[in-house]
Amino acid sequence: MESINVRGYGSLVNAMGNQTRSLKPELGIGVTELMYSDRHPFTVTKIISDTKIEVTADTSTRIDENGASESQEYRYEPDKKAVPITLRLNKFGRWKMVGDPKGSTFLVGRREEYYDFTR
């Protein structure tokens, strides 16, 4: 059984997301930025090539009433003021922001916001 490297991540969910193959990008598909333990939603707004896409941040509004809990539910909408960023698929199959190869990984095919209240 292959182990998951959780070093550099504050949550198992983000570590697993970093090891997950992204879907093939399509216009309008959701994207999740995997931070240390938080996650932020984006949308694919332009396909430049098979290995380069443009994404724009979404706004997320919490719609549950669970307080400072791991159980969180959000509504997502395009952020009309967001500046698009360009992502490139690296040799390891991970989407990274152009100019920041060691930064956050972006998981194409899932749109998710999560705030870690324990940090």
PDB file of N, CA and C in Angstrom:
ATOM      1  N   MET A   1       0.843  -1.178   0.000  1.00  0.00           N
ATOM      2  CA  MET A   1       0.000   0.000   0.000  1.00  0.00           C
ATOM      3  C   MET A   1       0.890   1.244   0.000  1.00  0.00           C
ATOM      4  N   GLU A   2       0.586   2.198  -0.860  1.00  0.00           N
ATOM      5  CA  GLU A   2       1.366   3.423  -0.981  1.00  0.00           C
ATOM      6  C   GLU A   2       0.970   4.388   0.130  1.00  0.00           C
ATOM      7  N   SER A   3       1.958   5.006   0.768  1.00  0.00           N
ATOM      8  CA  SER A   3       1.658   5.966   1.832  1.00  0.00           C
ATOM      9  C   SER A   3       1.513   7.361   1.249  1.00  0.00           C
ATOM     10  N   ILE A   4       0.819   8.212   1.983  1.00  0.00           N
ATOM     11  CA  ILE A   4       0.618   9.597   1.569  1.00  0.00           C
ATOM     12  C   ILE A   4       1.527  10.470   2.414  1.00  0.00           C
ATOM     13  N   ASN A   5       2.305  11.302   1.764  1.00  0.00           N
ATOM     14  CA  ASN A   5       3.202  12.210   2.451  1.00  0.00           C
ATOM     15  C   ASN A   5       2.409  13.430   2.917  1.00  0.00           C
ATOM     16  N   VAL A   6       2.232  13.581   4.235  1.00  0.00           N
ATOM     17  CA  VAL A   6       1.459  14.694   4.765  1.00  0.00           C
ATOM     18  C   VAL A   6       2.343  15.857   5.206  1.00  0.00           C
ATOM     19  N   ARG A   7       3.665  15.701   5.094  1.00  0.00           N
ATOM     20  CA  ARG A   7       4.540  16.815   5.453  1.00  0.00           C
ATOM     21  C   ARG A   7       4.253  18.006   4.561  1.00  0.00           C
ATOM     22  N   GLY A   8       4.178  19.177   5.153  1.00  0.00           N
ATOM     23  CA  GLY A   8       3.899  20.383   4.392  1.00  0.00           C
ATOM     24  C   GLY A   8       2.418  20.683   4.283  1.00  0.00           C
ATOM     25  N   TYR A   9       1.594  19.823   4.867  1.00  0.00           N
ATOM     26  CA  TYR A   9       0.144  20.029   4.845  1.00  0.00           C
ATOM     27  C   TYR A   9      -0.385  19.940   6.258  1.00  0.00           C
ATOM     28  N   GLY A  10      -1.377  20.751   6.561  1.00  0.00           N
ATOM     29  CA  GLY A  10      -1.981  20.757   7.881  1.00  0.00           C
ATOM     30  C   GLY A  10      -3.197  19.865   7.973  1.00  0.00           C
ATOM     31  N   SER A  11      -3.564  19.224   6.846  1.00  0.00           N
ATOM     32  CA  SER A  11      -4.714  18.329   6.892  1.00  0.00           C
ATOM     33  C   SER A  11      -4.492  17.160   5.949  1.00  0.00           C
ATOM     34  N   LEU A  12      -5.036  16.030   6.318  1.00  0.00           N
ATOM     35  CA  LEU A  12      -4.949  14.839   5.488  1.00  0.00           C
ATOM     36  C   LEU A  12      -5.698  15.055   4.172  1.00  0.00           C
ATOM     37  N   VAL A  13      -6.821  15.774   4.220  1.00  0.00           N
ATOM     38  CA  VAL A  13      -7.602  16.039   3.005  1.00  0.00           C
ATOM     39  C   VAL A  13      -6.744  16.783   1.982  1.00  0.00           C
ATOM     40  N   ASN A  14      -5.994  17.805   2.406  1.00  0.00           N
ATOM     41  CA  ASN A  14      -5.156  18.556   1.476  1.00  0.00           C
ATOM     42  C   ASN A  14      -3.980  17.722   0.984  1.00  0.00           C
ATOM     43  N   ALA A  15      -3.405  16.892   1.853  1.00  0.00           N
ATOM     44  CA  ALA A  15      -2.312  16.015   1.432  1.00  0.00           C
ATOM     45  C   ALA A  15      -2.804  15.024   0.383  1.00  0.00           C
ATOM     46  N   MET A  16      -4.002  14.468   0.582  1.00  0.00           N
ATOM     47  CA  MET A  16      -4.567  13.536  -0.394  1.00  0.00           C
ATOM     48  C   MET A  16      -4.892  14.261  -1.706  1.00  0.00           C
ATOM     49  N   GLY A  17      -5.414  15.476  -1.609  1.00  0.00           N
ATOM     50  CA  GLY A  17      -5.708  16.264  -2.807  1.00  0.00           C
ATOM     51  C   GLY A  17      -4.468  16.540  -3.616  1.00  0.00           C
ATOM     52  N   ASN A  18      -3.354  16.767  -2.934  1.00  0.00           N
ATOM     53  CA  ASN A  18      -2.090  17.028  -3.619  1.00  0.00           C
ATOM     54  C   ASN A  18      -1.604  15.790  -4.375  1.00  0.00           C
ATOM     55  N   GLN A  19      -2.007  14.610  -3.937  1.00  0.00           N
ATOM     56  CA  GLN A  19      -1.600  13.358  -4.570  1.00  0.00           C
ATOM     57  C   GLN A  19      -2.613  12.899  -5.632  1.00  0.00           C
ATOM     58  N   THR A  20      -3.744  13.594  -5.740  1.00  0.00           N
ATOM     59  CA  THR A  20      -4.820  13.203  -6.640  1.00  0.00           C
ATOM     60  C   THR A  20      -4.607  13.787  -8.034  1.00  0.00           C
ATOM     61  N   ARG A  21      -4.881  12.997  -9.049  1.00  0.00           N
ATOM     62  CA  ARG A  21      -4.808  13.488 -10.425  1.00  0.00           C
ATOM     63  C   ARG A  21      -5.991  14.407 -10.690  1.00  0.00           C
ATOM     64  N   SER A  22      -5.708  15.544 -11.244  1.00  0.00           N
ATOM     65  CA  SER A  22      -6.754  16.481 -11.616  1.00  0.00           C
ATOM     66  C   SER A  22      -7.485  15.983 -12.857  1.00  0.00           C
ATOM     67  N   LEU A  23      -8.708  16.460 -13.030  1.00  0.00           N
ATOM     68  CA  LEU A  23      -9.452  16.174 -14.249  1.00  0.00           C
ATOM     69  C   LEU A  23      -8.895  17.016 -15.386  1.00  0.00           C
ATOM     70  N   LYS A  24      -9.230  16.655 -16.607  1.00  0.00           N
ATOM     71  CA  LYS A  24      -8.839  17.464 -17.755  1.00  0.00           C
ATOM     72  C   LYS A  24      -9.600  18.788 -17.658  1.00  0.00           C
ATOM     73  N   PRO A  25      -8.899  19.912 -17.738  1.00  0.00           N
ATOM     74  CA  PRO A  25      -9.568  21.209 -17.604  1.00  0.00           C
ATOM     75  C   PRO A  25     -10.601  21.464 -18.695  1.00  0.00           C
ATOM     76  N   GLU A  26     -11.719  22.039 -18.311  1.00  0.00           N
ATOM     77  CA  GLU A  26     -12.762  22.490 -19.219  1.00  0.00           C
ATOM     78  C   GLU A  26     -13.205  23.859 -18.736  1.00  0.00           C
ATOM     79  N   LEU A  27     -13.665  24.698 -19.643  1.00  0.00           N
ATOM     80  CA  LEU A  27     -14.163  26.015 -19.248  1.00  0.00           C
ATOM     81  C   LEU A  27     -15.289  25.865 -18.236  1.00  0.00           C
ATOM     82  N   GLY A  28     -15.206  26.627 -17.150  1.00  0.00           N
ATOM     83  CA  GLY A  28     -16.259  26.638 -16.147  1.00  0.00           C
ATOM     84  C   GLY A  28     -16.124  25.601 -15.057  1.00  0.00           C
ATOM     85  N   ILE A  29     -15.178  24.658 -15.196  1.00  0.00           N
ATOM     86  CA  ILE A  29     -15.020  23.616 -14.184  1.00  0.00           C
ATOM     87  C   ILE A  29     -14.371  24.209 -12.927  1.00  0.00           C
ATOM     88  N   GLY A  30     -14.712  23.655 -11.783  1.00  0.00           N
ATOM     89  CA  GLY A  30     -14.176  24.130 -10.514  1.00  0.00           C
ATOM     90  C   GLY A  30     -12.733  23.716 -10.295  1.00  0.00           C
ATOM     91  N   VAL A  31     -12.036  24.535  -9.503  1.00  0.00           N
ATOM     92  CA  VAL A  31     -10.645  24.300  -9.139  1.00  0.00           C
ATOM     93  C   VAL A  31     -10.507  24.654  -7.658  1.00  0.00           C
ATOM     94  N   THR A  32      -9.715  23.881  -6.925  1.00  0.00           N
ATOM     95  CA  THR A  32      -9.484  24.159  -5.511  1.00  0.00           C
ATOM     96  C   THR A  32      -8.004  24.389  -5.265  1.00  0.00           C
ATOM     97  N   GLU A  33      -7.678  25.521  -4.645  1.00  0.00           N
ATOM     98  CA  GLU A  33      -6.304  25.783  -4.228  1.00  0.00           C
ATOM     99  C   GLU A  33      -6.097  25.105  -2.877  1.00  0.00           C
ATOM    100  N   LEU A  34      -5.098  24.231  -2.799  1.00  0.00           N
ATOM    101  CA  LEU A  34      -4.804  23.510  -1.571  1.00  0.00           C
ATOM    102  C   LEU A  34      -3.719  24.258  -0.802  1.00  0.00           C
ATOM    103  N   MET A  35      -4.099  24.877   0.283  1.00  0.00           N
ATOM    104  CA  MET A  35      -3.156  25.604   1.122  1.00  0.00           C
ATOM    105  C   MET A  35      -2.620  24.636   2.190  1.00  0.00           C
ATOM    106  N   TYR A  36      -2.066  25.154   3.281  1.00  0.00           N
ATOM    107  CA  TYR A  36      -1.555  24.299   4.362  1.00  0.00           C
ATOM    108  C   TYR A  36      -2.682  23.423   4.902  1.00  0.00           C
ATOM    109  N   SER A  37      -3.768  24.037   5.346  1.00  0.00           N
ATOM    110  CA  SER A  37      -4.944  23.259   5.753  1.00  0.00           C
ATOM    111  C   SER A  37      -6.231  23.877   5.212  1.00  0.00           C
ATOM    112  N   ASP A  38      -6.169  25.099   4.713  1.00  0.00           N
ATOM    113  CA  ASP A  38      -7.347  25.746   4.121  1.00  0.00           C
ATOM    114  C   ASP A  38      -7.437  25.401   2.637  1.00  0.00           C
ATOM    115  N   ARG A  39      -8.614  25.639   2.060  1.00  0.00           N
ATOM    116  CA  ARG A  39      -8.829  25.445   0.632  1.00  0.00           C
ATOM    117  C   ARG A  39      -9.640  26.624   0.108  1.00  0.00           C
ATOM    118  N   HIS A  40      -9.362  27.019  -1.151  1.00  0.00           N
ATOM    119  CA  HIS A  40     -10.043  28.162  -1.741  1.00  0.00           C
ATOM    120  C   HIS A  40     -10.532  27.828  -3.153  1.00  0.00           C
ATOM    121  N   PRO A  41     -11.752  28.308  -3.527  1.00  0.00           N
ATOM    122  CA  PRO A  41     -12.352  27.958  -4.814  1.00  0.00           C
ATOM    123  C   PRO A  41     -11.969  28.890  -5.965  1.00  0.00           C
ATOM    124  N   PHE A  42     -11.838  28.285  -7.132  1.00  0.00           N
ATOM    125  CA  PHE A  42     -11.546  28.993  -8.380  1.00  0.00           C
ATOM    126  C   PHE A  42     -12.372  28.354  -9.495  1.00  0.00           C
ATOM    127  N   THR A  43     -12.387  29.008 -10.658  1.00  0.00           N
ATOM    128  CA  THR A  43     -13.047  28.481 -11.850  1.00  0.00           C
ATOM    129  C   THR A  43     -12.110  28.622 -13.042  1.00  0.00           C
ATOM    130  N   VAL A  44     -12.071  27.602 -13.903  1.00  0.00           N
ATOM    131  CA  VAL A  44     -11.290  27.684 -15.137  1.00  0.00           C
ATOM    132  C   VAL A  44     -11.994  28.667 -16.068  1.00  0.00           C
ATOM    133  N   THR A  45     -11.276  29.718 -16.464  1.00  0.00           N
ATOM    134  CA  THR A  45     -11.854  30.747 -17.331  1.00  0.00           C
ATOM    135  C   THR A  45     -11.245  30.775 -18.732  1.00  0.00           C
ATOM    136  N   LYS A  46     -10.098  30.090 -18.901  1.00  0.00           N
ATOM    137  CA  LYS A  46      -9.464  30.068 -20.218  1.00  0.00           C
ATOM    138  C   LYS A  46      -8.527  28.866 -20.297  1.00  0.00           C
ATOM    139  N   ILE A  47      -8.582  28.165 -21.411  1.00  0.00           N
ATOM    140  CA  ILE A  47      -7.641  27.069 -21.648  1.00  0.00           C
ATOM    141  C   ILE A  47      -6.640  27.560 -22.681  1.00  0.00           C
ATOM    142  N   ILE A  48      -5.404  27.708 -22.250  1.00  0.00           N
ATOM    143  CA  ILE A  48      -4.344  28.236 -23.105  1.00  0.00           C
ATOM    144  C   ILE A  48      -3.712  27.107 -23.927  1.00  0.00           C
ATOM    145  N   SER A  49      -3.474  25.972 -23.276  1.00  0.00           N
ATOM    146  CA  SER A  49      -2.927  24.778 -23.933  1.00  0.00           C
ATOM    147  C   SER A  49      -3.256  23.575 -23.046  1.00  0.00           C
ATOM    148  N   ASP A  50      -2.760  22.403 -23.427  1.00  0.00           N
ATOM    149  CA  ASP A  50      -3.001  21.203 -22.614  1.00  0.00           C
ATOM    150  C   ASP A  50      -2.342  21.289 -21.241  1.00  0.00           C
ATOM    151  N   THR A  51      -1.325  22.128 -21.117  1.00  0.00           N
ATOM    152  CA  THR A  51      -0.588  22.223 -19.856  1.00  0.00           C
ATOM    153  C   THR A  51      -0.636  23.617 -19.223  1.00  0.00           C
ATOM    154  N   LYS A  52      -1.490  24.483 -19.747  1.00  0.00           N
ATOM    155  CA  LYS A  52      -1.554  25.849 -19.233  1.00  0.00           C
ATOM    156  C   LYS A  52      -3.000  26.341 -19.274  1.00  0.00           C
ATOM    157  N   ILE A  53      -3.484  26.821 -18.121  1.00  0.00           N
ATOM    158  CA  ILE A  53      -4.860  27.322 -18.035  1.00  0.00           C
ATOM    159  C   ILE A  53      -4.887  28.619 -17.229  1.00  0.00           C
ATOM    160  N   GLU A  54      -5.987  29.321 -17.374  1.00  0.00           N
ATOM    161  CA  GLU A  54      -6.214  30.531 -16.594  1.00  0.00           C
ATOM    162  C   GLU A  54      -7.408  30.261 -15.677  1.00  0.00           C
ATOM    163  N   VAL A  55      -7.268  30.640 -14.404  1.00  0.00           N
ATOM    164  CA  VAL A  55      -8.349  30.472 -13.434  1.00  0.00           C
ATOM    165  C   VAL A  55      -8.617  31.795 -12.741  1.00  0.00           C
ATOM    166  N   THR A  56      -9.844  31.942 -12.237  1.00  0.00           N
ATOM    167  CA  THR A  56     -10.234  33.149 -11.516  1.00  0.00           C
ATOM    168  C   THR A  56     -10.849  32.725 -10.193  1.00  0.00           C
ATOM    169  N   ALA A  57     -10.516  33.450  -9.134  1.00  0.00           N
ATOM    170  CA  ALA A  57     -11.041  33.137  -7.798  1.00  0.00           C
ATOM    171  C   ALA A  57     -12.551  33.308  -7.756  1.00  0.00           C
ATOM    172  N   ASP A  58     -13.182  32.475  -6.955  1.00  0.00           N
ATOM    173  CA  ASP A  58     -14.611  32.588  -6.694  1.00  0.00           C
ATOM    174  C   ASP A  58     -14.810  33.181  -5.307  1.00  0.00           C
ATOM    175  N   THR A  59     -15.988  33.742  -5.069  1.00  0.00           N
ATOM    176  CA  THR A  59     -16.340  34.133  -3.705  1.00  0.00           C
ATOM    177  C   THR A  59     -17.101  32.972  -3.093  1.00  0.00           C
ATOM    178  N   SER A  60     -16.942  32.800  -1.809  1.00  0.00           N
ATOM    179  CA  SER A  60     -17.655  31.730  -1.112  1.00  0.00           C
ATOM    180  C   SER A  60     -18.386  32.341   0.077  1.00  0.00           C
ATOM    181  N   THR A  61     -19.629  31.922   0.241  1.00  0.00           N
ATOM    182  CA  THR A  61     -20.455  32.399   1.357  1.00  0.00           C
ATOM    183  C   THR A  61     -20.868  31.181   2.155  1.00  0.00           C
ATOM    184  N   ARG A  62     -20.554  31.203   3.420  1.00  0.00           N
ATOM    185  CA  ARG A  62     -20.898  30.065   4.279  1.00  0.00           C
ATOM    186  C   ARG A  62     -22.404  30.047   4.479  1.00  0.00           C
ATOM    187  N   ILE A  63     -23.023  28.874   4.276  1.00  0.00           N
ATOM    188  CA  ILE A  63     -24.479  28.784   4.357  1.00  0.00           C
ATOM    189  C   ILE A  63     -24.960  27.838   5.460  1.00  0.00           C
ATOM    190  N   ASP A  64     -24.040  27.200   6.166  1.00  0.00           N
ATOM    191  CA  ASP A  64     -24.463  26.346   7.276  1.00  0.00           C
ATOM    192  C   ASP A  64     -24.472  27.164   8.565  1.00  0.00           C
ATOM    193  N   GLU A  65     -24.897  26.554   9.641  1.00  0.00           N
ATOM    194  CA  GLU A  65     -24.910  27.225  10.949  1.00  0.00           C
ATOM    195  C   GLU A  65     -24.135  26.391  11.959  1.00  0.00           C
ATOM    196  N   ASN A  66     -23.011  25.825  11.520  1.00  0.00           N
ATOM    197  CA  ASN A  66     -22.246  24.913  12.370  1.00  0.00           C
ATOM    198  C   ASN A  66     -21.151  25.595  13.172  1.00  0.00           C
ATOM    199  N   GLY A  67     -20.992  26.901  13.033  1.00  0.00           N
ATOM    200  CA  GLY A  67     -19.981  27.615  13.807  1.00  0.00           C
ATOM    201  C   GLY A  67     -18.573  27.159  13.460  1.00  0.00           C
ATOM    202  N   ALA A  68     -17.692  27.209  14.453  1.00  0.00           N
ATOM    203  CA  ALA A  68     -16.285  26.843  14.267  1.00  0.00           C
ATOM    204  C   ALA A  68     -16.170  25.322  14.233  1.00  0.00           C
ATOM    205  N   SER A  69     -16.557  24.745  13.125  1.00  0.00           N
ATOM    206  CA  SER A  69     -16.632  23.293  12.994  1.00  0.00           C
ATOM    207  C   SER A  69     -15.967  22.848  11.702  1.00  0.00           C
ATOM    208  N   GLU A  70     -15.632  21.560  11.623  1.00  0.00           N
ATOM    209  CA  GLU A  70     -15.089  21.011  10.382  1.00  0.00           C
ATOM    210  C   GLU A  70     -16.176  20.816   9.346  1.00  0.00           C
ATOM    211  N   SER A  71     -17.415  20.736   9.771  1.00  0.00           N
ATOM    212  CA  SER A  71     -18.545  20.554   8.861  1.00  0.00           C
ATOM    213  C   SER A  71     -18.965  21.923   8.333  1.00  0.00           C
ATOM    214  N   GLN A  72     -18.552  22.232   7.097  1.00  0.00           N
ATOM    215  CA  GLN A  72     -18.783  23.545   6.512  1.00  0.00           C
ATOM    216  C   GLN A  72     -19.432  23.395   5.141  1.00  0.00           C
ATOM    217  N   GLU A  73     -20.397  24.256   4.865  1.00  0.00           N
ATOM    218  CA  GLU A  73     -21.081  24.244   3.580  1.00  0.00           C
ATOM    219  C   GLU A  73     -21.079  25.666   3.015  1.00  0.00           C
ATOM    220  N   TYR A  74     -20.770  25.786   1.719  1.00  0.00           N
ATOM    221  CA  TYR A  74     -20.621  27.095   1.093  1.00  0.00           C
ATOM    222  C   TYR A  74     -21.424  27.195  -0.206  1.00  0.00           C
ATOM    223  N   ARG A  75     -21.734  28.428  -0.572  1.00  0.00           N
ATOM    224  CA  ARG A  75     -22.293  28.755  -1.881  1.00  0.00           C
ATOM    225  C   ARG A  75     -21.185  29.512  -2.628  1.00  0.00           C
ATOM    226  N   TYR A  76     -21.005  29.199  -3.905  1.00  0.00           N
ATOM    227  CA  TYR A  76     -19.928  29.803  -4.690  1.00  0.00           C
ATOM    228  C   TYR A  76     -20.486  30.664  -5.816  1.00  0.00           C
ATOM    229  N   GLU A  77     -19.821  31.781  -6.039  1.00  0.00           N
ATOM    230  CA  GLU A  77     -20.174  32.684  -7.134  1.00  0.00           C
ATOM    231  C   GLU A  77     -18.891  33.246  -7.724  1.00  0.00           C
ATOM    232  N   PRO A  78     -18.913  33.602  -9.002  1.00  0.00           N
ATOM    233  CA  PRO A  78     -17.719  34.227  -9.595  1.00  0.00           C
ATOM    234  C   PRO A  78     -17.410  35.550  -8.893  1.00  0.00           C
ATOM    235  N   ASP A  79     -16.125  35.823  -8.697  1.00  0.00           N
ATOM    236  CA  ASP A  79     -15.693  37.096  -8.135  1.00  0.00           C
ATOM    237  C   ASP A  79     -15.358  38.009  -9.309  1.00  0.00           C
ATOM    238  N   LYS A  80     -16.238  38.959  -9.595  1.00  0.00           N
ATOM    239  CA  LYS A  80     -16.081  39.823 -10.767  1.00  0.00           C
ATOM    240  C   LYS A  80     -14.857  40.738 -10.676  1.00  0.00           C
ATOM    241  N   LYS A  81     -14.307  40.923  -9.466  1.00  0.00           N
ATOM    242  CA  LYS A  81     -13.130  41.773  -9.286  1.00  0.00           C
ATOM    243  C   LYS A  81     -11.820  40.976  -9.272  1.00  0.00           C
ATOM    244  N   ALA A  82     -11.925  39.659  -9.314  1.00  0.00           N
ATOM    245  CA  ALA A  82     -10.731  38.817  -9.220  1.00  0.00           C
ATOM    246  C   ALA A  82      -9.859  38.944 -10.468  1.00  0.00           C
ATOM    247  N   VAL A  83      -8.575  38.943 -10.253  1.00  0.00           N
ATOM    248  CA  VAL A  83      -7.603  38.985 -11.338  1.00  0.00           C
ATOM    249  C   VAL A  83      -7.260  37.542 -11.709  1.00  0.00           C
ATOM    250  N   PRO A  84      -7.376  37.169 -12.985  1.00  0.00           N
ATOM    251  CA  PRO A  84      -7.051  35.789 -13.391  1.00  0.00           C
ATOM    252  C   PRO A  84      -5.588  35.458 -13.113  1.00  0.00           C
ATOM    253  N   ILE A  85      -5.354  34.208 -12.786  1.00  0.00           N
ATOM    254  CA  ILE A  85      -3.979  33.726 -12.623  1.00  0.00           C
ATOM    255  C   ILE A  85      -3.775  32.560 -13.585  1.00  0.00           C
ATOM    256  N   THR A  86      -2.530  32.362 -13.983  1.00  0.00           N
ATOM    257  CA  THR A  86      -2.203  31.297 -14.927  1.00  0.00           C
ATOM    258  C   THR A  86      -1.565  30.139 -14.178  1.00  0.00           C
ATOM    259  N   LEU A  87      -2.066  28.929 -14.481  1.00  0.00           N
ATOM    260  CA  LEU A  87      -1.531  27.708 -13.893  1.00  0.00           C
ATOM    261  C   LEU A  87      -0.858  26.883 -14.976  1.00  0.00           C
ATOM    262  N   ARG A  88       0.173  26.153 -14.576  1.00  0.00           N
ATOM    263  CA  ARG A  88       0.883  25.259 -15.499  1.00  0.00           C
ATOM    264  C   ARG A  88       0.935  23.870 -14.872  1.00  0.00           C
ATOM    265  N   LEU A  89       0.705  22.850 -15.687  1.00  0.00           N
ATOM    266  CA  LEU A  89       0.798  21.463 -15.244  1.00  0.00           C
ATOM    267  C   LEU A  89       2.267  21.071 -15.234  1.00  0.00           C
ATOM    268  N   ASN A  90       2.786  20.695 -14.049  1.00  0.00           N
ATOM    269  CA  ASN A  90       4.207  20.357 -13.966  1.00  0.00           C
ATOM    270  C   ASN A  90       4.452  18.888 -14.306  1.00  0.00           C
ATOM    271  N   LYS A  91       5.697  18.482 -14.285  1.00  0.00           N
ATOM    272  CA  LYS A  91       6.065  17.120 -14.689  1.00  0.00           C
ATOM    273  C   LYS A  91       5.548  16.063 -13.722  1.00  0.00           C
ATOM    274  N   PHE A  92       5.095  16.467 -12.542  1.00  0.00           N
ATOM    275  CA  PHE A  92       4.546  15.541 -11.561  1.00  0.00           C
ATOM    276  C   PHE A  92       3.021  15.449 -11.641  1.00  0.00           C
ATOM    277  N   GLY A  93       2.435  16.147 -12.621  1.00  0.00           N
ATOM    278  CA  GLY A  93       0.992  16.110 -12.801  1.00  0.00           C
ATOM    279  C   GLY A  93       0.226  17.025 -11.878  1.00  0.00           C
ATOM    280  N   ARG A  94       0.895  18.050 -11.322  1.00  0.00           N
ATOM    281  CA  ARG A  94       0.255  18.992 -10.409  1.00  0.00           C
ATOM    282  C   ARG A  94       0.180  20.369 -11.057  1.00  0.00           C
ATOM    283  N   TRP A  95      -0.952  21.025 -10.853  1.00  0.00           N
ATOM    284  CA  TRP A  95      -1.140  22.385 -11.368  1.00  0.00           C
ATOM    285  C   TRP A  95      -0.564  23.367 -10.370  1.00  0.00           C
ATOM    286  N   LYS A  96       0.363  24.208 -10.833  1.00  0.00           N
ATOM    287  CA  LYS A  96       1.015  25.223 -10.007  1.00  0.00           C
ATOM    288  C   LYS A  96       0.901  26.576 -10.701  1.00  0.00           C
ATOM    289  N   MET A  97       0.892  27.648  -9.908  1.00  0.00           N
ATOM    290  CA  MET A  97       0.841  28.988 -10.469  1.00  0.00           C
ATOM    291  C   MET A  97       2.150  29.274 -11.211  1.00  0.00           C
ATOM    292  N   VAL A  98       2.028  29.827 -12.401  1.00  0.00           N
ATOM    293  CA  VAL A  98       3.204  30.197 -13.189  1.00  0.00           C
ATOM    294  C   VAL A  98       4.035  31.175 -12.357  1.00  0.00           C
ATOM    295  N   GLY A  99       5.321  30.892 -12.235  1.00  0.00           N
ATOM    296  CA  GLY A  99       6.213  31.739 -11.453  1.00  0.00           C
ATOM    297  C   GLY A  99       6.323  31.329  -9.989  1.00  0.00           C
ATOM    298  N   ASP A 100       5.542  30.324  -9.559  1.00  0.00           N
ATOM    299  CA  ASP A 100       5.574  29.875  -8.163  1.00  0.00           C
ATOM    300  C   ASP A 100       5.518  28.342  -8.114  1.00  0.00           C
ATOM    301  N   PRO A 101       6.551  27.656  -8.646  1.00  0.00           N
ATOM    302  CA  PRO A 101       6.510  26.197  -8.753  1.00  0.00           C
ATOM    303  C   PRO A 101       6.477  25.457  -7.420  1.00  0.00           C
ATOM    304  N   LYS A 102       6.879  26.110  -6.336  1.00  0.00           N
ATOM    305  CA  LYS A 102       6.871  25.459  -5.023  1.00  0.00           C
ATOM    306  C   LYS A 102       5.663  25.881  -4.189  1.00  0.00           C
ATOM    307  N   GLY A 103       4.803  26.718  -4.751  1.00  0.00           N
ATOM    308  CA  GLY A 103       3.638  27.221  -4.026  1.00  0.00           C
ATOM    309  C   GLY A 103       2.497  26.213  -3.977  1.00  0.00           C
ATOM    310  N   SER A 104       1.321  26.707  -3.736  1.00  0.00           N
ATOM    311  CA  SER A 104       0.123  25.882  -3.605  1.00  0.00           C
ATOM    312  C   SER A 104      -0.111  25.017  -4.832  1.00  0.00           C
ATOM    313  N   THR A 105      -0.711  23.863  -4.600  1.00  0.00           N
ATOM    314  CA  THR A 105      -1.180  23.005  -5.680  1.00  0.00           C
ATOM    315  C   THR A 105      -2.648  23.325  -5.913  1.00  0.00           C
ATOM    316  N   PHE A 106      -3.065  23.305  -7.175  1.00  0.00           N
ATOM    317  CA  PHE A 106      -4.458  23.561  -7.543  1.00  0.00           C
ATOM    318  C   PHE A 106      -5.038  22.266  -8.094  1.00  0.00           C
ATOM    319  N   LEU A 107      -6.146  21.814  -7.523  1.00  0.00           N
ATOM    320  CA  LEU A 107      -6.804  20.581  -7.936  1.00  0.00           C
ATOM    321  C   LEU A 107      -7.952  20.919  -8.875  1.00  0.00           C
ATOM    322  N   VAL A 108      -7.810  20.550 -10.154  1.00  0.00           N
ATOM    323  CA  VAL A 108      -8.822  20.828 -11.171  1.00  0.00           C
ATOM    324  C   VAL A 108      -9.902  19.751 -11.099  1.00  0.00           C
ATOM    325  N   GLY A 109     -11.164  20.187 -11.066  1.00  0.00           N
ATOM    326  CA  GLY A 109     -12.277  19.256 -11.045  1.00  0.00           C
ATOM    327  C   GLY A 109     -13.071  19.290  -9.757  1.00  0.00           C
ATOM    328  N   ARG A 110     -12.637  20.120  -8.816  1.00  0.00           N
ATOM    329  CA  ARG A 110     -13.345  20.234  -7.541  1.00  0.00           C
ATOM    330  C   ARG A 110     -13.264  21.682  -7.063  1.00  0.00           C
ATOM    331  N   ARG A 111     -14.396  22.255  -6.704  1.00  0.00           N
ATOM    332  CA  ARG A 111     -14.453  23.625  -6.195  1.00  0.00           C
ATOM    333  C   ARG A 111     -14.809  23.538  -4.715  1.00  0.00           C
ATOM    334  N   GLU A 112     -13.886  24.004  -3.862  1.00  0.00           N
ATOM    335  CA  GLU A 112     -14.136  23.855  -2.428  1.00  0.00           C
ATOM    336  C   GLU A 112     -13.473  24.969  -1.611  1.00  0.00           C
ATOM    337  N   GLU A 113     -14.206  25.447  -0.633  1.00  0.00           N
ATOM    338  CA  GLU A 113     -13.696  26.380   0.375  1.00  0.00           C
ATOM    339  C   GLU A 113     -13.677  25.613   1.689  1.00  0.00           C
ATOM    340  N   TYR A 114     -12.642  25.823   2.473  1.00  0.00           N
ATOM    341  CA  TYR A 114     -12.585  25.239   3.813  1.00  0.00           C
ATOM    342  C   TYR A 114     -11.701  26.137   4.660  1.00  0.00           C
ATOM    343  N   TYR A 115     -12.173  26.478   5.844  1.00  0.00           N
ATOM    344  CA  TYR A 115     -11.387  27.282   6.770  1.00  0.00           C
ATOM    345  C   TYR A 115     -11.076  26.439   7.991  1.00  0.00           C
ATOM    346  N   ASP A 116      -9.799  26.322   8.330  1.00  0.00           N
ATOM    347  CA  ASP A 116      -9.361  25.548   9.494  1.00  0.00           C
ATOM    348  C   ASP A 116      -9.375  26.467  10.716  1.00  0.00           C
ATOM    349  N   PHE A 117     -10.341  26.274  11.570  1.00  0.00           N
ATOM    350  CA  PHE A 117     -10.490  27.109  12.769  1.00  0.00           C
ATOM    351  C   PHE A 117      -9.433  26.795  13.832  1.00  0.00           C
ATOM    352  N   THR A 118      -8.717  25.699  13.713  1.00  0.00           N
ATOM    353  CA  THR A 118      -7.736  25.321  14.735  1.00  0.00           C
ATOM    354  C   THR A 118      -6.408  26.018  14.560  1.00  0.00           C
ATOM    355  N   ARG A 119      -6.210  26.728  13.469  1.00  0.00           N
ATOM    356  CA  ARG A 119      -4.923  27.393  13.249  1.00  0.00           C
ATOM    357  C   ARG A 119      -4.935  28.800  13.731  1.00  0.00           C
TER     358      ARG A 119
END
